[in-house]
Amino acid sequence: MGREDQTEEREVLDSIFPDEITDVSDTSYRISITLDAPENDNQEAEPPVLVLEVSYPEEYPDVAPELEISAPPNAPKHPRLDINEDHDRLLEALQPTIEENMGMAMVFSLVSALKESAELLMAERVNAVHAEIEMQAAKAEEEENRKFQGTTVNRETFLEWLEKFKKEMEEEERKLREEREAEEKKANKKAGVKEEKKLTGKQLWERGLAGKADFDEEEEEEDGLPAAVEKVKIVA
């Protein structure tokens, strides 16, 4: 094994990834991997692309290949995958595949494993977003339901309600009492004005508001006999 095996693997990869593979040197190349976005992702973004650079050590495949992961030049940052932040995690996810395939051509398996782990990472983030949305919706629904459920009644809440109810009733009675008193004062004031307008003749005379004739007339009415009756003489 050695250079011959490396050349053979490279030829096989060229037939599998004719448009995705690019040589860097005689012993290294890059493979572009287009990822599939999660089906439940509502983000409208171009599918992210990873670039796996493979370099063969002289002893490959008896030793692991040298690997590097990057994004294409000038590629926009994807909302579900950040190569800079996820670089180490994605490389670490390839270790089991390397160990399982040691001594054999493994680049195709590494490409498949990298694609799977990156897509799984994106799916986890999309699911986390949906879980957060569902949690917020459930919280809002719970708050809405509380408006119709009312407050749970126990001894403490009942006594608190009763005290509040008594204060409200006392306040209502106070307002009604003040309103009645105001109405009574208003009625008494009107009655006083009316009574003052109905002064007797004597009161009018004392206040200089009437002549003597008026006073005599009033006195006659008070005695119960008209003045003309007093002047009548009885003939035997």
C-alpha atoms as a PDB file:
ATOM      1  CA  MET A   1       0.000   0.000   0.000  1.00  0.00           C
ATOM      2  CA  GLY A   2       1.084   3.604  -0.556  1.00  0.00           C
ATOM      3  CA  ARG A   3       1.189   5.824  -3.540  1.00  0.00           C
ATOM      4  CA  GLU A   4      -0.448   3.281  -5.812  1.00  0.00           C
ATOM      5  CA  ASP A   5      -3.455   2.966  -3.545  1.00  0.00           C
ATOM      6  CA  GLN A   6      -3.721   6.718  -3.256  1.00  0.00           C
ATOM      7  CA  THR A   7      -3.774   7.137  -7.034  1.00  0.00           C
ATOM      8  CA  GLU A   8      -6.414   4.456  -7.389  1.00  0.00           C
ATOM      9  CA  GLU A   9      -8.638   6.078  -4.764  1.00  0.00           C
ATOM     10  CA  ARG A  10      -8.234   9.452  -6.397  1.00  0.00           C
ATOM     11  CA  GLU A  11      -9.443   8.033  -9.741  1.00  0.00           C
ATOM     12  CA  VAL A  12     -12.496   6.478  -8.091  1.00  0.00           C
ATOM     13  CA  LEU A  13     -13.337   9.751  -6.373  1.00  0.00           C
ATOM     14  CA  ASP A  14     -13.057  11.590  -9.673  1.00  0.00           C
ATOM     15  CA  SER A  15     -15.773   9.355 -11.113  1.00  0.00           C
ATOM     16  CA  ILE A  16     -18.007   9.907  -8.039  1.00  0.00           C
ATOM     17  CA  PHE A  17     -17.460  13.677  -7.682  1.00  0.00           C
ATOM     18  CA  PRO A  18     -16.607  14.852 -11.224  1.00  0.00           C
ATOM     19  CA  ASP A  19     -17.736  18.444 -10.645  1.00  0.00           C
ATOM     20  CA  GLU A  20     -16.961  18.678  -6.939  1.00  0.00           C
ATOM     21  CA  ILE A  21     -13.296  17.578  -6.785  1.00  0.00           C
ATOM     22  CA  THR A  22     -10.324  19.845  -7.482  1.00  0.00           C
ATOM     23  CA  ASP A  23      -6.638  18.932  -7.267  1.00  0.00           C
ATOM     24  CA  VAL A  24      -4.379  21.025  -5.091  1.00  0.00           C
ATOM     25  CA  SER A  25      -1.235  18.927  -5.626  1.00  0.00           C
ATOM     26  CA  ASP A  26      -0.268  15.370  -6.511  1.00  0.00           C
ATOM     27  CA  THR A  27      -1.210  14.238  -3.031  1.00  0.00           C
ATOM     28  CA  SER A  28      -3.998  16.610  -2.036  1.00  0.00           C
ATOM     29  CA  TYR A  29      -7.359  17.765  -3.347  1.00  0.00           C
ATOM     30  CA  ARG A  30     -10.568  19.494  -2.312  1.00  0.00           C
ATOM     31  CA  ILE A  31     -14.111  18.148  -2.465  1.00  0.00           C
ATOM     32  CA  SER A  32     -17.123  20.486  -2.317  1.00  0.00           C
ATOM     33  CA  ILE A  33     -20.061  19.066  -0.348  1.00  0.00           C
ATOM     34  CA  THR A  34     -23.498  20.639  -0.772  1.00  0.00           C
ATOM     35  CA  LEU A  35     -25.668  20.080   2.269  1.00  0.00           C
ATOM     36  CA  ASP A  36     -29.419  19.523   2.290  1.00  0.00           C
ATOM     37  CA  ALA A  37     -31.327  21.934   4.525  1.00  0.00           C
ATOM     38  CA  PRO A  38     -33.765  20.407   7.051  1.00  0.00           C
ATOM     39  CA  GLU A  39     -37.270  19.974   5.666  1.00  0.00           C
ATOM     40  CA  ASN A  40     -38.852  21.867   8.566  1.00  0.00           C
ATOM     41  CA  ASP A  41     -36.560  24.883   8.199  1.00  0.00           C
ATOM     42  CA  ASN A  42     -38.458  28.060   7.346  1.00  0.00           C
ATOM     43  CA  GLN A  43     -35.309  30.024   6.547  1.00  0.00           C
ATOM     44  CA  GLU A  44     -35.030  30.927   2.889  1.00  0.00           C
ATOM     45  CA  ALA A  45     -31.301  30.537   2.285  1.00  0.00           C
ATOM     46  CA  GLU A  46     -29.067  28.851  -0.231  1.00  0.00           C
ATOM     47  CA  PRO A  47     -27.951  25.365   0.848  1.00  0.00           C
ATOM     48  CA  PRO A  48     -24.610  25.636   2.637  1.00  0.00           C
ATOM     49  CA  VAL A  49     -21.490  24.188   1.063  1.00  0.00           C
ATOM     50  CA  LEU A  50     -18.529  22.645   2.880  1.00  0.00           C
ATOM     51  CA  VAL A  51     -15.090  22.124   1.387  1.00  0.00           C
ATOM     52  CA  LEU A  52     -13.147  19.091   2.608  1.00  0.00           C
ATOM     53  CA  GLU A  53      -9.457  19.254   1.802  1.00  0.00           C
ATOM     54  CA  VAL A  54      -7.661  15.895   1.874  1.00  0.00           C
ATOM     55  CA  SER A  55      -3.884  15.420   1.968  1.00  0.00           C
ATOM     56  CA  TYR A  56      -2.281  11.987   1.758  1.00  0.00           C
ATOM     57  CA  PRO A  57       0.616  11.187   4.067  1.00  0.00           C
ATOM     58  CA  GLU A  58       3.088   8.776   2.551  1.00  0.00           C
ATOM     59  CA  GLU A  59       1.804   5.887   4.700  1.00  0.00           C
ATOM     60  CA  TYR A  60      -1.909   6.447   3.895  1.00  0.00           C
ATOM     61  CA  PRO A  61      -4.207   4.478   4.231  1.00  0.00           C
ATOM     62  CA  ASP A  62      -2.300   2.841   7.086  1.00  0.00           C
ATOM     63  CA  VAL A  63      -2.416   6.241   8.780  1.00  0.00           C
ATOM     64  CA  ALA A  64      -5.171   8.833   8.800  1.00  0.00           C
ATOM     65  CA  PRO A  65      -5.284  11.439   6.019  1.00  0.00           C
ATOM     66  CA  GLU A  66      -4.755  15.081   6.872  1.00  0.00           C
ATOM     67  CA  LEU A  67      -8.139  16.844   6.778  1.00  0.00           C
ATOM     68  CA  GLU A  68      -9.247  20.441   6.751  1.00  0.00           C
ATOM     69  CA  ILE A  69     -12.787  21.867   6.542  1.00  0.00           C
ATOM     70  CA  SER A  70     -13.611  25.319   5.182  1.00  0.00           C
ATOM     71  CA  ALA A  71     -16.303  27.290   3.397  1.00  0.00           C
ATOM     72  CA  PRO A  72     -16.089  28.331  -0.261  1.00  0.00           C
ATOM     73  CA  PRO A  73     -14.524  31.781  -0.827  1.00  0.00           C
ATOM     74  CA  ASN A  74     -17.001  34.655  -0.360  1.00  0.00           C
ATOM     75  CA  ALA A  75     -19.762  32.254   0.681  1.00  0.00           C
ATOM     76  CA  PRO A  76     -22.519  33.969   2.710  1.00  0.00           C
ATOM     77  CA  LYS A  77     -22.896  32.912   6.321  1.00  0.00           C
ATOM     78  CA  HIS A  78     -25.664  30.365   6.674  1.00  0.00           C
ATOM     79  CA  PRO A  79     -28.155  30.881   9.571  1.00  0.00           C
ATOM     80  CA  ARG A  80     -27.893  27.212  10.609  1.00  0.00           C
ATOM     81  CA  LEU A  81     -24.189  26.540  10.118  1.00  0.00           C
ATOM     82  CA  ASP A  82     -21.069  28.567  10.848  1.00  0.00           C
ATOM     83  CA  ILE A  83     -17.853  26.946   9.651  1.00  0.00           C
ATOM     84  CA  ASN A  84     -15.693  29.029  11.959  1.00  0.00           C
ATOM     85  CA  GLU A  85     -17.697  28.051  15.038  1.00  0.00           C
ATOM     86  CA  ASP A  86     -18.496  24.476  13.973  1.00  0.00           C
ATOM     87  CA  HIS A  87     -15.088  23.593  12.522  1.00  0.00           C
ATOM     88  CA  ASP A  88     -13.728  21.609  15.471  1.00  0.00           C
ATOM     89  CA  ARG A  89     -17.003  19.816  16.116  1.00  0.00           C
ATOM     90  CA  LEU A  90     -17.259  18.668  12.507  1.00  0.00           C
ATOM     91  CA  LEU A  91     -13.657  17.442  12.431  1.00  0.00           C
ATOM     92  CA  GLU A  92     -14.147  15.555  15.680  1.00  0.00           C
ATOM     93  CA  ALA A  93     -17.252  13.870  14.242  1.00  0.00           C
ATOM     94  CA  LEU A  94     -15.018  12.258  11.589  1.00  0.00           C
ATOM     95  CA  GLN A  95     -12.797  10.413  14.075  1.00  0.00           C
ATOM     96  CA  PRO A  96     -15.010   7.306  14.424  1.00  0.00           C
ATOM     97  CA  THR A  97     -15.075   6.897  10.636  1.00  0.00           C
ATOM     98  CA  ILE A  98     -11.282   7.211  10.438  1.00  0.00           C
ATOM     99  CA  GLU A  99     -10.794   4.574  13.111  1.00  0.00           C
ATOM    100  CA  GLU A 100     -13.283   2.175  11.505  1.00  0.00           C
ATOM    101  CA  ASN A 101     -11.641   2.425   8.064  1.00  0.00           C
ATOM    102  CA  MET A 102      -7.973   2.468   9.009  1.00  0.00           C
ATOM    103  CA  GLY A 103      -5.940   0.522   6.408  1.00  0.00           C
ATOM    104  CA  MET A 104      -8.571   1.054   3.686  1.00  0.00           C
ATOM    105  CA  ALA A 105      -9.519   3.848   1.289  1.00  0.00           C
ATOM    106  CA  MET A 106     -11.726   6.032   3.449  1.00  0.00           C
ATOM    107  CA  VAL A 107     -12.233   9.423   1.760  1.00  0.00           C
ATOM    108  CA  PHE A 108     -15.662   8.573   0.334  1.00  0.00           C
ATOM    109  CA  SER A 109     -16.776   7.419   3.791  1.00  0.00           C
ATOM    110  CA  LEU A 110     -15.361  10.642   5.290  1.00  0.00           C
ATOM    111  CA  VAL A 111     -17.293  12.777   2.808  1.00  0.00           C
ATOM    112  CA  SER A 112     -20.506  10.908   3.659  1.00  0.00           C
ATOM    113  CA  ALA A 113     -19.867  11.210   7.404  1.00  0.00           C
ATOM    114  CA  LEU A 114     -19.112  14.930   7.156  1.00  0.00           C
ATOM    115  CA  LYS A 115     -22.291  15.580   5.173  1.00  0.00           C
ATOM    116  CA  GLU A 116     -24.369  13.589   7.644  1.00  0.00           C
ATOM    117  CA  SER A 117     -22.939  15.237  10.769  1.00  0.00           C
ATOM    118  CA  ALA A 118     -23.279  18.771   9.312  1.00  0.00           C
ATOM    119  CA  GLU A 119     -26.892  18.168   8.291  1.00  0.00           C
ATOM    120  CA  LEU A 120     -27.638  16.698  11.718  1.00  0.00           C
ATOM    121  CA  LEU A 121     -26.170  19.796  13.341  1.00  0.00           C
ATOM    122  CA  MET A 122     -28.414  22.034  11.241  1.00  0.00           C
ATOM    123  CA  ALA A 123     -31.458  19.892  12.055  1.00  0.00           C
ATOM    124  CA  GLU A 124     -30.729  20.187  15.782  1.00  0.00           C
ATOM    125  CA  ARG A 125     -30.670  23.967  15.510  1.00  0.00           C
ATOM    126  CA  VAL A 126     -33.879  24.103  13.500  1.00  0.00           C
ATOM    127  CA  ASN A 127     -35.591  21.822  16.031  1.00  0.00           C
ATOM    128  CA  ALA A 128     -34.352  24.065  18.837  1.00  0.00           C
ATOM    129  CA  VAL A 129     -35.913  27.076  17.107  1.00  0.00           C
ATOM    130  CA  HIS A 130     -39.236  25.265  16.695  1.00  0.00           C
ATOM    131  CA  ALA A 131     -39.120  24.093  20.309  1.00  0.00           C
ATOM    132  CA  GLU A 132     -38.629  27.681  21.453  1.00  0.00           C
ATOM    133  CA  ILE A 133     -41.537  28.866  19.310  1.00  0.00           C
ATOM    134  CA  GLU A 134     -43.789  26.107  20.660  1.00  0.00           C
ATOM    135  CA  MET A 135     -42.759  26.907  24.233  1.00  0.00           C
ATOM    136  CA  GLN A 136     -43.585  30.589  23.765  1.00  0.00           C
ATOM    137  CA  ALA A 137     -46.920  29.696  22.160  1.00  0.00           C
ATOM    138  CA  ALA A 138     -47.762  27.332  25.042  1.00  0.00           C
ATOM    139  CA  LYS A 139     -46.812  30.008  27.559  1.00  0.00           C
ATOM    140  CA  ALA A 140     -49.014  32.575  25.815  1.00  0.00           C
ATOM    141  CA  GLU A 141     -51.909  30.090  25.728  1.00  0.00           C
ATOM    142  CA  GLU A 142     -51.471  29.360  29.430  1.00  0.00           C
ATOM    143  CA  GLU A 143     -51.557  33.070  30.240  1.00  0.00           C
ATOM    144  CA  GLU A 144     -54.703  33.458  28.136  1.00  0.00           C
ATOM    145  CA  ASN A 145     -56.404  30.528  29.888  1.00  0.00           C
ATOM    146  CA  ARG A 146     -55.660  32.022  33.286  1.00  0.00           C
ATOM    147  CA  LYS A 147     -57.898  34.957  32.418  1.00  0.00           C
ATOM    148  CA  PHE A 148     -60.890  32.602  32.284  1.00  0.00           C
ATOM    149  CA  GLN A 149     -59.943  30.324  35.170  1.00  0.00           C
ATOM    150  CA  GLY A 150     -59.982  33.033  37.835  1.00  0.00           C
ATOM    151  CA  THR A 151     -58.203  32.840  41.165  1.00  0.00           C
ATOM    152  CA  THR A 152     -58.180  29.628  43.202  1.00  0.00           C
ATOM    153  CA  VAL A 153     -60.305  30.159  46.332  1.00  0.00           C
ATOM    154  CA  ASN A 154     -58.885  29.259  49.715  1.00  0.00           C
ATOM    155  CA  ARG A 155     -59.273  30.697  53.219  1.00  0.00           C
ATOM    156  CA  GLU A 156     -56.642  33.371  52.651  1.00  0.00           C
ATOM    157  CA  THR A 157     -57.982  34.550  49.292  1.00  0.00           C
ATOM    158  CA  PHE A 158     -61.585  34.474  50.600  1.00  0.00           C
ATOM    159  CA  LEU A 159     -60.774  36.635  53.634  1.00  0.00           C
ATOM    160  CA  GLU A 160     -58.886  39.024  51.397  1.00  0.00           C
ATOM    161  CA  TRP A 161     -61.887  39.252  49.050  1.00  0.00           C
ATOM    162  CA  LEU A 162     -64.306  39.691  51.982  1.00  0.00           C
ATOM    163  CA  GLU A 163     -62.288  42.561  53.451  1.00  0.00           C
ATOM    164  CA  LYS A 164     -62.171  44.259  50.074  1.00  0.00           C
ATOM    165  CA  PHE A 165     -65.915  43.697  49.587  1.00  0.00           C
ATOM    166  CA  LYS A 166     -66.734  45.258  52.991  1.00  0.00           C
ATOM    167  CA  LYS A 167     -64.662  48.326  52.202  1.00  0.00           C
ATOM    168  CA  GLU A 168     -66.389  48.720  48.841  1.00  0.00           C
ATOM    169  CA  MET A 169     -69.843  48.438  50.486  1.00  0.00           C
ATOM    170  CA  GLU A 170     -68.889  50.978  53.176  1.00  0.00           C
ATOM    171  CA  GLU A 171     -67.670  53.360  50.522  1.00  0.00           C
ATOM    172  CA  GLU A 172     -70.881  52.875  48.552  1.00  0.00           C
ATOM    173  CA  GLU A 173     -73.022  53.542  51.647  1.00  0.00           C
ATOM    174  CA  ARG A 174     -71.010  56.668  52.450  1.00  0.00           C
ATOM    175  CA  LYS A 175     -71.581  58.021  48.965  1.00  0.00           C
ATOM    176  CA  LEU A 176     -75.314  57.297  49.150  1.00  0.00           C
ATOM    177  CA  ARG A 177     -75.549  58.970  52.578  1.00  0.00           C
ATOM    178  CA  GLU A 178     -73.759  62.068  51.325  1.00  0.00           C
ATOM    179  CA  GLU A 179     -76.048  62.200  48.309  1.00  0.00           C
ATOM    180  CA  ARG A 180     -79.159  61.946  50.526  1.00  0.00           C
ATOM    181  CA  GLU A 181     -77.871  64.661  52.850  1.00  0.00           C
ATOM    182  CA  ALA A 182     -77.167  66.903  49.908  1.00  0.00           C
ATOM    183  CA  GLU A 183     -80.667  66.316  48.548  1.00  0.00           C
ATOM    184  CA  GLU A 184     -82.207  67.050  51.961  1.00  0.00           C
ATOM    185  CA  LYS A 185     -80.254  70.300  52.307  1.00  0.00           C
ATOM    186  CA  LYS A 186     -81.339  71.312  48.870  1.00  0.00           C
ATOM    187  CA  ALA A 187     -84.995  70.506  49.659  1.00  0.00           C
ATOM    188  CA  ASN A 188     -84.876  72.369  53.019  1.00  0.00           C
ATOM    189  CA  LYS A 189     -83.396  75.411  51.350  1.00  0.00           C
ATOM    190  CA  LYS A 190     -86.195  75.500  48.802  1.00  0.00           C
ATOM    191  CA  ALA A 191     -88.838  75.080  51.540  1.00  0.00           C
ATOM    192  CA  GLY A 192     -87.336  77.958  53.529  1.00  0.00           C
ATOM    193  CA  VAL A 193     -87.503  80.287  50.549  1.00  0.00           C
ATOM    194  CA  LYS A 194     -91.117  79.345  49.870  1.00  0.00           C
ATOM    195  CA  GLU A 195     -92.134  79.863  53.525  1.00  0.00           C
ATOM    196  CA  GLU A 196     -90.473  83.246  53.582  1.00  0.00           C
ATOM    197  CA  LYS A 197     -92.565  84.283  50.602  1.00  0.00           C
ATOM    198  CA  LYS A 198     -95.786  83.493  52.562  1.00  0.00           C
ATOM    199  CA  LEU A 199     -95.311  86.070  55.358  1.00  0.00           C
ATOM    200  CA  THR A 200     -98.342  87.099  57.438  1.00  0.00           C
ATOM    201  CA  GLY A 201     -99.749  90.613  57.293  1.00  0.00           C
ATOM    202  CA  LYS A 202     -98.215  91.368  60.647  1.00  0.00           C
ATOM    203  CA  GLN A 203     -94.835  90.222  59.397  1.00  0.00           C
ATOM    204  CA  LEU A 204     -95.292  92.365  56.331  1.00  0.00           C
ATOM    205  CA  TRP A 205     -96.266  95.356  58.565  1.00  0.00           C
ATOM    206  CA  GLU A 206     -93.311  94.843  60.877  1.00  0.00           C
ATOM    207  CA  ARG A 207     -90.981  94.725  57.912  1.00  0.00           C
ATOM    208  CA  GLY A 208     -92.569  97.849  56.413  1.00  0.00           C
ATOM    209  CA  LEU A 209     -93.758  95.905  53.426  1.00  0.00           C
ATOM    210  CA  ALA A 210     -97.509  96.671  53.808  1.00  0.00           C
ATOM    211  CA  GLY A 211     -99.937  99.435  54.831  1.00  0.00           C
ATOM    212  CA  LYS A 212    -102.268  99.507  57.857  1.00  0.00           C
ATOM    213  CA  ALA A 213    -105.219  98.351  55.783  1.00  0.00           C
ATOM    214  CA  ASP A 214    -103.381  95.239  54.854  1.00  0.00           C
ATOM    215  CA  PHE A 215    -102.565  94.591  58.466  1.00  0.00           C
ATOM    216  CA  ASP A 216    -106.212  95.038  59.550  1.00  0.00           C
ATOM    217  CA  GLU A 217    -107.297  92.661  56.903  1.00  0.00           C
ATOM    218  CA  GLU A 218    -104.795  90.097  58.062  1.00  0.00           C
ATOM    219  CA  GLU A 219    -105.819  90.550  61.715  1.00  0.00           C
ATOM    220  CA  GLU A 220    -109.445  90.047  60.806  1.00  0.00           C
ATOM    221  CA  GLU A 221    -108.575  86.809  59.109  1.00  0.00           C
ATOM    222  CA  GLU A 222    -106.611  85.677  62.130  1.00  0.00           C
ATOM    223  CA  ASP A 223    -109.564  86.398  64.504  1.00  0.00           C
ATOM    224  CA  GLY A 224    -111.826  84.395  62.302  1.00  0.00           C
ATOM    225  CA  LEU A 225    -114.368  87.257  61.761  1.00  0.00           C
ATOM    226  CA  PRO A 226    -114.366  89.762  58.972  1.00  0.00           C
ATOM    227  CA  ALA A 227    -114.264  93.438  60.013  1.00  0.00           C
ATOM    228  CA  ALA A 228    -117.680  94.092  58.386  1.00  0.00           C
ATOM    229  CA  VAL A 229    -119.327  91.607  60.742  1.00  0.00           C
ATOM    230  CA  GLU A 230    -118.133  93.579  63.782  1.00  0.00           C
ATOM    231  CA  LYS A 231    -120.022  96.633  62.590  1.00  0.00           C
ATOM    232  CA  VAL A 232    -123.395  94.878  62.239  1.00  0.00           C
ATOM    233  CA  LYS A 233    -125.871  95.883  64.952  1.00  0.00           C
ATOM    234  CA  ILE A 234    -128.597  93.519  66.007  1.00  0.00           C
ATOM    235  CA  VAL A 235    -132.065  95.179  66.048  1.00  0.00           C
ATOM    236  CA  ALA A 236    -134.618  93.817  68.602  1.00  0.00           C
END
